[in-house]
């Protein structure tokens, strides 16, 4: 089940967070994100406490701040969208540094930035402490539809294969003197994308036939049965339960 290689987000370690069963961590992160999304955007101090909770998890997992911050760059497109909201949103306006900004847009930008950053940070911490193969086993343990787990497994396993195919096609183009310099070369790139799709589809058919010839009936065998003790569930629940307490306090104050 899944890929045997480690992904770039994973940071090898022997902390208590690393040792938790993957389905415990998946459930904890999912519940934490739900709590964060349910928090009123006006309760700004609550998001600060959520960040502190994630910082405590990162400290327990021995994940350096630099490692975490570098991987938060994935949310840059959402940051750009949030920055534009105060300028394009309608409603009451307010002057900030000589610029007329929408009040509702400012709140919307804060909402996207705060909740999005916390969600991405929680996901990065999950990926940093859990191998891909373990994540797939955890999803299976949480009763995710088997077909979705298999699709994710093959996507991870053959992602590098497709990337290598793209690299070889790029080398072949350059060896023939082709360099994409403008719109007039988009046709060649489009044909390359089509050829890559056909090759990937044909490879998928060959893999499927090979699996069927070896007894594949639609389900993948589970090599390792991942179980969790009550203590491990309690340890994993510390993050979402603490966040829920903060959320409830924010709603009541």
C-alpha atoms as a PDB file:
ATOM      1  CA  UNK A   1       0.000   0.000   0.000  1.00  0.00           C
ATOM      2  CA  UNK A   2       1.364   3.372  -0.991  1.00  0.00           C
ATOM      3  CA  UNK A   3       4.798   4.561  -1.863  1.00  0.00           C
ATOM      4  CA  UNK A   4       7.895   3.370  -0.146  1.00  0.00           C
ATOM      5  CA  UNK A   5       9.887   6.590  -0.497  1.00  0.00           C
ATOM      6  CA  UNK A   6       9.773   9.570   1.833  1.00  0.00           C
ATOM      7  CA  UNK A   7       8.337  12.830   0.564  1.00  0.00           C
ATOM      8  CA  UNK A   8      10.107  16.198   0.761  1.00  0.00           C
ATOM      9  CA  UNK A   9       7.850  17.523   3.509  1.00  0.00           C
ATOM     10  CA  UNK A  10       8.646  14.645   5.843  1.00  0.00           C
ATOM     11  CA  UNK A  11      11.261  15.269   8.532  1.00  0.00           C
ATOM     12  CA  UNK A  12      12.593  12.096  10.103  1.00  0.00           C
ATOM     13  CA  UNK A  13      12.424  12.055  13.873  1.00  0.00           C
ATOM     14  CA  UNK A  14      11.697  10.000  16.973  1.00  0.00           C
ATOM     15  CA  UNK A  15       9.370  12.338  18.844  1.00  0.00           C
ATOM     16  CA  UNK A  16       6.087  11.423  20.490  1.00  0.00           C
ATOM     17  CA  UNK A  17       4.264  13.125  17.608  1.00  0.00           C
ATOM     18  CA  UNK A  18       6.106  11.002  15.049  1.00  0.00           C
ATOM     19  CA  UNK A  19       5.197   7.880  17.004  1.00  0.00           C
ATOM     20  CA  UNK A  20       1.455   8.538  16.973  1.00  0.00           C
ATOM     21  CA  UNK A  21      -0.598   6.317  14.623  1.00  0.00           C
ATOM     22  CA  UNK A  22      -1.360   8.168  11.372  1.00  0.00           C
ATOM     23  CA  UNK A  23      -5.140   7.959  11.687  1.00  0.00           C
ATOM     24  CA  UNK A  24      -4.941   9.644  15.099  1.00  0.00           C
ATOM     25  CA  UNK A  25      -2.983  12.538  13.628  1.00  0.00           C
ATOM     26  CA  UNK A  26      -5.286  12.808  10.616  1.00  0.00           C
ATOM     27  CA  UNK A  27      -8.369  12.959  12.831  1.00  0.00           C
ATOM     28  CA  UNK A  28      -6.721  15.505  15.146  1.00  0.00           C
ATOM     29  CA  UNK A  29      -5.711  17.838  12.297  1.00  0.00           C
ATOM     30  CA  UNK A  30      -9.139  17.550  10.642  1.00  0.00           C
ATOM     31  CA  UNK A  31     -10.941  18.418  13.891  1.00  0.00           C
ATOM     32  CA  UNK A  32      -8.502  21.263  14.597  1.00  0.00           C
ATOM     33  CA  UNK A  33      -9.143  22.807  11.176  1.00  0.00           C
ATOM     34  CA  UNK A  34     -12.914  22.513  11.693  1.00  0.00           C
ATOM     35  CA  UNK A  35     -12.612  24.343  15.010  1.00  0.00           C
ATOM     36  CA  UNK A  36     -10.461  27.086  13.464  1.00  0.00           C
ATOM     37  CA  UNK A  37     -12.907  27.600  10.606  1.00  0.00           C
ATOM     38  CA  UNK A  38     -15.811  27.769  13.089  1.00  0.00           C
ATOM     39  CA  UNK A  39     -14.177  30.552  15.107  1.00  0.00           C
ATOM     40  CA  UNK A  40     -15.620  34.060  14.589  1.00  0.00           C
ATOM     41  CA  UNK A  41     -13.184  36.199  12.663  1.00  0.00           C
ATOM     42  CA  UNK A  42     -13.668  39.082  15.105  1.00  0.00           C
ATOM     43  CA  UNK A  43     -12.114  37.066  17.964  1.00  0.00           C
ATOM     44  CA  UNK A  44      -8.567  37.850  16.902  1.00  0.00           C
ATOM     45  CA  UNK A  45      -6.926  36.686  20.131  1.00  0.00           C
ATOM     46  CA  UNK A  46      -8.276  33.158  19.572  1.00  0.00           C
ATOM     47  CA  UNK A  47      -6.198  32.768  16.407  1.00  0.00           C
ATOM     48  CA  UNK A  48      -3.128  33.792  18.346  1.00  0.00           C
ATOM     49  CA  UNK A  49      -3.816  31.006  20.839  1.00  0.00           C
ATOM     50  CA  UNK A  50      -4.278  28.541  17.970  1.00  0.00           C
ATOM     51  CA  UNK A  51      -0.854  29.548  16.663  1.00  0.00           C
ATOM     52  CA  UNK A  52       0.598  28.947  20.130  1.00  0.00           C
ATOM     53  CA  UNK A  53      -0.958  25.472  20.186  1.00  0.00           C
ATOM     54  CA  UNK A  54       0.596  24.648  16.824  1.00  0.00           C
ATOM     55  CA  UNK A  55       3.906  26.008  18.076  1.00  0.00           C
ATOM     56  CA  UNK A  56       3.724  23.621  21.027  1.00  0.00           C
ATOM     57  CA  UNK A  57       3.066  20.716  18.649  1.00  0.00           C
ATOM     58  CA  UNK A  58       6.016  21.762  16.483  1.00  0.00           C
ATOM     59  CA  UNK A  59       8.216  21.933  19.588  1.00  0.00           C
ATOM     60  CA  UNK A  60       7.070  18.481  20.714  1.00  0.00           C
ATOM     61  CA  UNK A  61       7.732  17.131  17.204  1.00  0.00           C
ATOM     62  CA  UNK A  62      11.135  18.881  17.063  1.00  0.00           C
ATOM     63  CA  UNK A  63      10.236  20.604  13.801  1.00  0.00           C
ATOM     64  CA  UNK A  64      12.338  23.797  13.430  1.00  0.00           C
ATOM     65  CA  UNK A  65      10.542  27.079  12.846  1.00  0.00           C
ATOM     66  CA  UNK A  66      12.548  27.678   9.674  1.00  0.00           C
ATOM     67  CA  UNK A  67      11.488  24.329   8.247  1.00  0.00           C
ATOM     68  CA  UNK A  68       7.839  25.141   8.955  1.00  0.00           C
ATOM     69  CA  UNK A  69       7.915  28.728   7.700  1.00  0.00           C
ATOM     70  CA  UNK A  70       9.661  27.775   4.457  1.00  0.00           C
ATOM     71  CA  UNK A  71       6.882  25.332   3.628  1.00  0.00           C
ATOM     72  CA  UNK A  72       4.177  27.856   4.440  1.00  0.00           C
ATOM     73  CA  UNK A  73       5.166  29.651   1.223  1.00  0.00           C
ATOM     74  CA  UNK A  74       2.708  27.357  -0.548  1.00  0.00           C
ATOM     75  CA  UNK A  75      -0.085  29.703   0.539  1.00  0.00           C
ATOM     76  CA  UNK A  76       1.381  32.751  -1.235  1.00  0.00           C
ATOM     77  CA  UNK A  77      -1.404  32.750  -3.913  1.00  0.00           C
ATOM     78  CA  UNK A  78      -4.026  32.912  -1.149  1.00  0.00           C
ATOM     79  CA  UNK A  79      -2.110  35.762   0.487  1.00  0.00           C
ATOM     80  CA  UNK A  80      -2.167  37.665  -2.805  1.00  0.00           C
ATOM     81  CA  UNK A  81      -5.932  37.108  -3.065  1.00  0.00           C
ATOM     82  CA  UNK A  82      -6.427  38.307   0.516  1.00  0.00           C
ATOM     83  CA  UNK A  83      -4.381  41.468  -0.104  1.00  0.00           C
ATOM     84  CA  UNK A  84      -6.671  42.410  -3.006  1.00  0.00           C
ATOM     85  CA  UNK A  85      -9.912  41.981  -1.053  1.00  0.00           C
ATOM     86  CA  UNK A  86      -9.850  45.351   0.789  1.00  0.00           C
ATOM     87  CA  UNK A  87      -9.457  47.144  -2.551  1.00  0.00           C
ATOM     88  CA  UNK A  88     -12.216  45.390  -4.513  1.00  0.00           C
ATOM     89  CA  UNK A  89     -14.858  44.670  -1.844  1.00  0.00           C
ATOM     90  CA  UNK A  90     -17.911  46.913  -1.552  1.00  0.00           C
ATOM     91  CA  UNK A  91     -19.461  48.598   1.468  1.00  0.00           C
ATOM     92  CA  UNK A  92     -18.207  50.966   4.138  1.00  0.00           C
ATOM     93  CA  UNK A  93     -14.772  52.439   3.434  1.00  0.00           C
ATOM     94  CA  UNK A  94     -11.964  53.483   5.761  1.00  0.00           C
ATOM     95  CA  UNK A  95      -8.759  55.453   5.148  1.00  0.00           C
ATOM     96  CA  UNK A  96      -5.526  53.511   5.858  1.00  0.00           C
ATOM     97  CA  UNK A  97      -2.191  55.162   4.955  1.00  0.00           C
ATOM     98  CA  UNK A  98      -3.968  57.362   2.447  1.00  0.00           C
ATOM     99  CA  UNK A  99      -5.752  54.440   0.763  1.00  0.00           C
ATOM    100  CA  UNK A 100      -9.508  53.877   0.758  1.00  0.00           C
ATOM    101  CA  UNK A 101     -10.154  50.310   1.874  1.00  0.00           C
ATOM    102  CA  UNK A 102     -13.330  48.341   2.395  1.00  0.00           C
ATOM    103  CA  UNK A 103     -14.086  47.426   6.003  1.00  0.00           C
ATOM    104  CA  UNK A 104     -15.713  44.156   4.978  1.00  0.00           C
ATOM    105  CA  UNK A 105     -12.743  43.491   2.684  1.00  0.00           C
ATOM    106  CA  UNK A 106     -10.303  43.995   5.554  1.00  0.00           C
ATOM    107  CA  UNK A 107     -12.215  41.542   7.713  1.00  0.00           C
ATOM    108  CA  UNK A 108     -12.391  39.101   4.816  1.00  0.00           C
ATOM    109  CA  UNK A 109      -8.650  39.376   4.198  1.00  0.00           C
ATOM    110  CA  UNK A 110      -7.933  38.760   7.881  1.00  0.00           C
ATOM    111  CA  UNK A 111     -10.312  35.784   7.866  1.00  0.00           C
ATOM    112  CA  UNK A 112      -8.580  34.185   4.862  1.00  0.00           C
ATOM    113  CA  UNK A 113      -5.069  34.863   6.152  1.00  0.00           C
ATOM    114  CA  UNK A 114      -5.641  33.721   9.727  1.00  0.00           C
ATOM    115  CA  UNK A 115      -7.638  30.572   9.052  1.00  0.00           C
ATOM    116  CA  UNK A 116      -5.736  29.653   5.889  1.00  0.00           C
ATOM    117  CA  UNK A 117      -2.330  30.020   7.535  1.00  0.00           C
ATOM    118  CA  UNK A 118      -3.353  27.938  10.544  1.00  0.00           C
ATOM    119  CA  UNK A 119      -4.811  25.227   8.313  1.00  0.00           C
ATOM    120  CA  UNK A 120      -1.720  25.083   6.125  1.00  0.00           C
ATOM    121  CA  UNK A 121       0.559  25.055   9.184  1.00  0.00           C
ATOM    122  CA  UNK A 122      -1.367  22.148  10.700  1.00  0.00           C
ATOM    123  CA  UNK A 123      -1.157  20.252   7.401  1.00  0.00           C
ATOM    124  CA  UNK A 124       2.576  20.894   7.119  1.00  0.00           C
ATOM    125  CA  UNK A 125       3.101  19.606  10.658  1.00  0.00           C
ATOM    126  CA  UNK A 126       1.128  16.491   9.773  1.00  0.00           C
ATOM    127  CA  UNK A 127       3.197  15.907   6.639  1.00  0.00           C
ATOM    128  CA  UNK A 128       6.431  16.663   8.518  1.00  0.00           C
ATOM    129  CA  UNK A 129       5.787  13.923  11.070  1.00  0.00           C
ATOM    130  CA  UNK A 130       4.076  11.260   8.945  1.00  0.00           C
ATOM    131  CA  UNK A 131       5.387   9.300   5.973  1.00  0.00           C
ATOM    132  CA  UNK A 132       3.243   9.096   2.857  1.00  0.00           C
ATOM    133  CA  UNK A 133       2.728   5.371   3.187  1.00  0.00           C
ATOM    134  CA  UNK A 134       1.561   5.848   6.775  1.00  0.00           C
ATOM    135  CA  UNK A 135      -0.839   8.583   5.686  1.00  0.00           C
ATOM    136  CA  UNK A 136      -2.435   6.219   3.199  1.00  0.00           C
ATOM    137  CA  UNK A 137      -2.751   3.522   5.845  1.00  0.00           C
ATOM    138  CA  UNK A 138      -4.288   6.079   8.167  1.00  0.00           C
ATOM    139  CA  UNK A 139      -6.846   7.114   5.553  1.00  0.00           C
ATOM    140  CA  UNK A 140      -7.743   3.471   5.050  1.00  0.00           C
ATOM    141  CA  UNK A 141      -8.040   2.996   8.802  1.00  0.00           C
ATOM    142  CA  UNK A 142     -10.458   5.961   8.942  1.00  0.00           C
ATOM    143  CA  UNK A 143     -12.669   4.159   6.400  1.00  0.00           C
ATOM    144  CA  UNK A 144     -12.047   6.506   3.500  1.00  0.00           C
ATOM    145  CA  UNK A 145     -13.490   4.946   0.316  1.00  0.00           C
ATOM    146  CA  UNK A 146     -10.934   2.332  -0.849  1.00  0.00           C
ATOM    147  CA  UNK A 147     -11.029   3.621  -4.421  1.00  0.00           C
ATOM    148  CA  UNK A 148      -9.907   7.096  -3.299  1.00  0.00           C
ATOM    149  CA  UNK A 149      -7.090   5.576  -1.242  1.00  0.00           C
ATOM    150  CA  UNK A 150      -5.923   3.542  -4.231  1.00  0.00           C
ATOM    151  CA  UNK A 151      -6.013   6.599  -6.512  1.00  0.00           C
ATOM    152  CA  UNK A 152      -3.926   8.562  -4.011  1.00  0.00           C
ATOM    153  CA  UNK A 153      -1.527   5.644  -3.679  1.00  0.00           C
ATOM    154  CA  UNK A 154      -0.930   5.355  -7.420  1.00  0.00           C
ATOM    155  CA  UNK A 155      -0.716   9.130  -7.810  1.00  0.00           C
ATOM    156  CA  UNK A 156       2.094   9.232  -5.242  1.00  0.00           C
ATOM    157  CA  UNK A 157       3.823   6.140  -6.564  1.00  0.00           C
ATOM    158  CA  UNK A 158       3.842   7.178 -10.229  1.00  0.00           C
ATOM    159  CA  UNK A 159       4.175  10.952  -9.803  1.00  0.00           C
ATOM    160  CA  UNK A 160       7.945  10.654 -10.066  1.00  0.00           C
ATOM    161  CA  UNK A 161       7.602   8.399 -13.105  1.00  0.00           C
ATOM    162  CA  UNK A 162       5.506  10.977 -14.972  1.00  0.00           C
ATOM    163  CA  UNK A 163       7.869  13.768 -13.924  1.00  0.00           C
ATOM    164  CA  UNK A 164      10.810  11.792 -15.302  1.00  0.00           C
ATOM    165  CA  UNK A 165       8.886  11.252 -18.553  1.00  0.00           C
ATOM    166  CA  UNK A 166       8.386  15.020 -18.824  1.00  0.00           C
ATOM    167  CA  UNK A 167      12.098  15.563 -18.263  1.00  0.00           C
ATOM    168  CA  UNK A 168      13.038  13.141 -21.053  1.00  0.00           C
ATOM    169  CA  UNK A 169      10.603  14.814 -23.449  1.00  0.00           C
ATOM    170  CA  UNK A 170      12.075  18.202 -22.581  1.00  0.00           C
ATOM    171  CA  UNK A 171      15.593  16.917 -23.264  1.00  0.00           C
ATOM    172  CA  UNK A 172      14.404  15.501 -26.602  1.00  0.00           C
ATOM    173  CA  UNK A 173      12.977  18.902 -27.603  1.00  0.00           C
ATOM    174  CA  UNK A 174      16.129  20.772 -26.660  1.00  0.00           C
ATOM    175  CA  UNK A 175      18.328  18.259 -28.487  1.00  0.00           C
ATOM    176  CA  UNK A 176      16.408  19.173 -31.647  1.00  0.00           C
ATOM    177  CA  UNK A 177      17.002  22.879 -31.125  1.00  0.00           C
ATOM    178  CA  UNK A 178      13.571  23.769 -29.722  1.00  0.00           C
ATOM    179  CA  UNK A 179      13.237  26.519 -27.129  1.00  0.00           C
ATOM    180  CA  UNK A 180       9.819  27.892 -26.132  1.00  0.00           C
ATOM    181  CA  UNK A 181      10.131  31.679 -26.436  1.00  0.00           C
ATOM    182  CA  UNK A 182       6.618  32.888 -27.146  1.00  0.00           C
ATOM    183  CA  UNK A 183       3.007  32.265 -28.065  1.00  0.00           C
ATOM    184  CA  UNK A 184       3.957  30.764 -31.425  1.00  0.00           C
ATOM    185  CA  UNK A 185       5.537  27.817 -29.603  1.00  0.00           C
ATOM    186  CA  UNK A 186       2.430  26.997 -27.559  1.00  0.00           C
ATOM    187  CA  UNK A 187       1.289  24.561 -30.250  1.00  0.00           C
ATOM    188  CA  UNK A 188       4.386  22.412 -29.735  1.00  0.00           C
ATOM    189  CA  UNK A 189       3.945  22.496 -25.970  1.00  0.00           C
ATOM    190  CA  UNK A 190       0.283  21.533 -26.384  1.00  0.00           C
ATOM    191  CA  UNK A 191       1.248  18.533 -28.515  1.00  0.00           C
ATOM    192  CA  UNK A 192       3.824  17.583 -25.882  1.00  0.00           C
ATOM    193  CA  UNK A 193       1.154  17.674 -23.186  1.00  0.00           C
ATOM    194  CA  UNK A 194      -1.102  15.496 -25.340  1.00  0.00           C
ATOM    195  CA  UNK A 195       1.687  12.988 -25.944  1.00  0.00           C
ATOM    196  CA  UNK A 196       2.436  12.899 -22.217  1.00  0.00           C
ATOM    197  CA  UNK A 197      -1.234  12.197 -21.467  1.00  0.00           C
ATOM    198  CA  UNK A 198      -1.355   9.337 -23.986  1.00  0.00           C
ATOM    199  CA  UNK A 199       1.863   7.805 -22.635  1.00  0.00           C
ATOM    200  CA  UNK A 200       0.588   8.075 -19.064  1.00  0.00           C
ATOM    201  CA  UNK A 201      -2.745   6.519 -20.021  1.00  0.00           C
ATOM    202  CA  UNK A 202      -1.047   3.646 -21.818  1.00  0.00           C
ATOM    203  CA  UNK A 203       1.282   3.096 -18.853  1.00  0.00           C
ATOM    204  CA  UNK A 204      -1.751   2.987 -16.572  1.00  0.00           C
ATOM    205  CA  UNK A 205      -3.370   0.324 -18.763  1.00  0.00           C
ATOM    206  CA  UNK A 206      -0.204  -1.790 -18.701  1.00  0.00           C
ATOM    207  CA  UNK A 207       0.046  -1.486 -14.921  1.00  0.00           C
ATOM    208  CA  UNK A 208      -3.611  -2.454 -14.522  1.00  0.00           C
ATOM    209  CA  UNK A 209      -3.215  -5.511 -16.762  1.00  0.00           C
ATOM    210  CA  UNK A 210      -0.128  -6.547 -14.796  1.00  0.00           C
ATOM    211  CA  UNK A 211      -2.051  -6.207 -11.525  1.00  0.00           C
ATOM    212  CA  UNK A 212      -5.022  -8.191 -12.842  1.00  0.00           C
ATOM    213  CA  UNK A 213      -2.700 -10.962 -14.015  1.00  0.00           C
ATOM    214  CA  UNK A 214      -1.394 -11.157 -10.437  1.00  0.00           C
ATOM    215  CA  UNK A 215      -4.831 -11.515  -8.878  1.00  0.00           C
ATOM    216  CA  UNK A 216      -5.970  -7.927  -8.361  1.00  0.00           C
ATOM    217  CA  UNK A 217      -9.744  -7.821  -7.764  1.00  0.00           C
ATOM    218  CA  UNK A 218     -10.322  -4.154  -6.970  1.00  0.00           C
ATOM    219  CA  UNK A 219      -8.876  -3.924  -3.465  1.00  0.00           C
ATOM    220  CA  UNK A 220      -5.304  -3.608  -2.296  1.00  0.00           C
ATOM    221  CA  UNK A 221      -3.972  -5.884   0.442  1.00  0.00           C
ATOM    222  CA  UNK A 222      -3.166  -4.243   3.767  1.00  0.00           C
ATOM    223  CA  UNK A 223       0.382  -5.137   4.744  1.00  0.00           C
ATOM    224  CA  UNK A 224       0.423  -3.424   8.132  1.00  0.00           C
ATOM    225  CA  UNK A 225      -2.631  -3.116  10.369  1.00  0.00           C
ATOM    226  CA  UNK A 226      -2.267   0.203  12.190  1.00  0.00           C
ATOM    227  CA  UNK A 227      -3.889   0.309  15.633  1.00  0.00           C
ATOM    228  CA  UNK A 228      -3.985   2.956  18.354  1.00  0.00           C
ATOM    229  CA  UNK A 229      -4.290   2.745  22.116  1.00  0.00           C
ATOM    230  CA  UNK A 230      -6.597   4.905  24.229  1.00  0.00           C
ATOM    231  CA  UNK A 231      -3.566   6.832  25.489  1.00  0.00           C
ATOM    232  CA  UNK A 232      -2.491   7.638  21.921  1.00  0.00           C
ATOM    233  CA  UNK A 233      -5.968   8.855  21.024  1.00  0.00           C
ATOM    234  CA  UNK A 234      -5.959  11.039  24.146  1.00  0.00           C
ATOM    235  CA  UNK A 235      -2.560  12.479  23.255  1.00  0.00           C
ATOM    236  CA  UNK A 236      -3.682  13.250  19.693  1.00  0.00           C
ATOM    237  CA  UNK A 237      -6.948  14.785  20.939  1.00  0.00           C
ATOM    238  CA  UNK A 238      -5.081  17.344  23.053  1.00  0.00           C
ATOM    239  CA  UNK A 239      -4.740  19.741  20.096  1.00  0.00           C
ATOM    240  CA  UNK A 240      -8.375  19.807  18.853  1.00  0.00           C
ATOM    241  CA  UNK A 241      -9.830  19.713  22.375  1.00  0.00           C
ATOM    242  CA  UNK A 242      -7.696  22.665  23.465  1.00  0.00           C
ATOM    243  CA  UNK A 243      -8.661  24.527  20.300  1.00  0.00           C
ATOM    244  CA  UNK A 244     -12.342  23.755  20.936  1.00  0.00           C
ATOM    245  CA  UNK A 245     -12.074  25.261  24.412  1.00  0.00           C
ATOM    246  CA  UNK A 246     -10.620  28.437  22.891  1.00  0.00           C
ATOM    247  CA  UNK A 247     -13.363  28.515  20.247  1.00  0.00           C
ATOM    248  CA  UNK A 248     -16.158  28.141  22.796  1.00  0.00           C
ATOM    249  CA  UNK A 249     -14.609  30.881  24.923  1.00  0.00           C
ATOM    250  CA  UNK A 250     -14.495  33.116  21.857  1.00  0.00           C
ATOM    251  CA  UNK A 251     -18.176  32.526  21.128  1.00  0.00           C
ATOM    252  CA  UNK A 252     -19.264  33.222  24.696  1.00  0.00           C
ATOM    253  CA  UNK A 253     -17.216  36.364  25.388  1.00  0.00           C
END
